[in-house]
């Protein structure tokens, strides 16, 4: 069982639900998922070693051209975290994701 020391680890701005929700149809079934850009911001905000390793993998996929990132959506998501946006920007910048 993983215990969280800070309730803010769970905080997600309500506006992010609208901008992060994505839909795709696969074999006639509609699937709703969280946009990768939003997932990136959530991982960068939390910032555990495991999260940073996951972000490094994302960076590798972007560099290979396997994955593309909508930088506008990424920045919109970061801006929703008013108090943490500088921290998130710095973390993503250090990983060359922005």
Protein backbone atom coordinates (compact mmCIF):
# COMPACT_ATOMS: atom_id res chain seq x y z
CA UNK A 1 0.00 0.00 0.00
CA UNK A 2 1.35 3.38 -0.96
CA UNK A 3 0.67 6.19 1.47
CA UNK A 4 0.62 9.77 0.30
CA UNK A 5 2.07 12.37 2.60
CA UNK A 6 0.39 15.30 0.93
CA UNK A 7 -3.23 15.66 -0.13
CA UNK A 8 -2.02 17.95 -2.91
CA UNK A 9 -0.71 14.84 -4.69
CA UNK A 10 -4.37 14.21 -5.51
CA UNK A 11 -5.35 17.75 -6.50
CA UNK A 12 -6.37 18.11 -10.13
CA UNK A 13 -8.00 21.38 -11.22
CA UNK A 14 -11.58 20.81 -12.33
CA UNK A 15 -10.91 22.69 -15.58
CA UNK A 16 -8.39 20.03 -16.54
CA UNK A 17 -11.18 17.46 -16.91
CA UNK A 18 -12.53 19.39 -19.89
CA UNK A 19 -9.20 19.93 -21.62
CA UNK A 20 -7.72 16.50 -20.86
CA UNK A 21 -10.59 14.25 -21.85
CA UNK A 22 -9.93 12.71 -25.24
CA UNK A 23 -11.99 10.22 -27.22
CA UNK A 24 -11.03 7.69 -29.85
CA UNK A 25 -12.99 5.00 -31.60
CA UNK A 26 -11.44 1.54 -31.77
CA UNK A 27 -13.27 -1.18 -33.66
CA UNK A 28 -16.56 0.64 -33.20
CA UNK A 29 -16.08 1.22 -29.47
CA UNK A 30 -15.56 4.76 -28.18
CA UNK A 31 -12.81 4.99 -25.60
CA UNK A 32 -12.26 8.01 -23.36
CA UNK A 33 -8.76 8.62 -22.06
CA UNK A 34 -6.55 11.32 -20.53
CA UNK A 35 -4.45 13.21 -23.08
CA UNK A 36 -0.76 12.37 -22.83
CA UNK A 37 0.03 16.06 -22.32
CA UNK A 38 -2.06 16.10 -19.16
CA UNK A 39 -0.48 12.87 -17.95
CA UNK A 40 2.94 14.49 -18.48
CA UNK A 41 1.98 17.48 -16.32
CA UNK A 42 0.60 15.25 -13.57
CA UNK A 43 3.80 13.20 -13.54
CA UNK A 44 6.00 16.32 -13.57
CA UNK A 45 4.06 17.84 -10.70
CA UNK A 46 4.36 14.75 -8.54
CA UNK A 47 8.03 14.33 -9.45
CA UNK A 48 8.94 11.02 -7.82
CA UNK A 49 11.91 9.11 -9.22
CA UNK A 50 9.49 6.72 -10.92
CA UNK A 51 7.60 9.66 -12.46
CA UNK A 52 10.80 11.22 -13.78
CA UNK A 53 11.80 7.88 -15.29
CA UNK A 54 8.41 7.69 -17.03
CA UNK A 55 8.86 11.23 -18.35
CA UNK A 56 12.29 10.29 -19.69
CA UNK A 57 10.66 7.44 -21.60
CA UNK A 58 8.11 9.89 -23.03
CA UNK A 59 10.97 12.17 -24.10
CA UNK A 60 12.63 9.26 -25.88
CA UNK A 61 9.38 8.46 -27.74
CA UNK A 62 9.03 12.11 -28.76
CA UNK A 63 12.64 12.21 -29.97
CA UNK A 64 12.10 9.03 -32.02
CA UNK A 65 8.97 10.51 -33.60
CA UNK A 66 6.80 7.75 -32.17
CA UNK A 67 4.81 10.21 -30.06
CA UNK A 68 3.88 13.81 -30.70
CA UNK A 69 2.94 16.32 -28.04
CA UNK A 70 0.53 19.23 -28.38
CA UNK A 71 2.58 21.94 -26.68
CA UNK A 72 -0.43 24.28 -26.52
CA UNK A 73 -2.39 21.71 -24.51
CA UNK A 74 0.67 21.02 -22.36
CA UNK A 75 1.03 24.71 -21.51
CA UNK A 76 -2.72 25.11 -20.83
CA UNK A 77 -2.54 22.25 -18.37
CA UNK A 78 0.54 23.68 -16.63
CA UNK A 79 -1.13 27.09 -16.28
CA UNK A 80 -4.00 25.50 -14.32
CA UNK A 81 -1.53 24.79 -11.50
CA UNK A 82 -0.99 28.41 -10.51
CA UNK A 83 1.11 27.71 -7.41
CA UNK A 84 3.15 24.91 -8.97
CA UNK A 85 3.52 26.05 -12.56
CA UNK A 86 7.11 27.27 -12.20
CA UNK A 87 8.10 23.96 -10.60
CA UNK A 88 6.36 21.99 -13.37
CA UNK A 89 7.93 24.12 -16.14
CA UNK A 90 11.37 23.69 -14.60
CA UNK A 91 10.98 19.93 -14.28
CA UNK A 92 9.80 19.56 -17.88
CA UNK A 93 12.49 21.94 -19.13
CA UNK A 94 15.18 19.92 -17.36
CA UNK A 95 13.91 16.86 -19.28
CA UNK A 96 13.74 18.85 -22.54
CA UNK A 97 10.01 18.23 -22.86
CA UNK A 98 9.33 21.97 -23.32
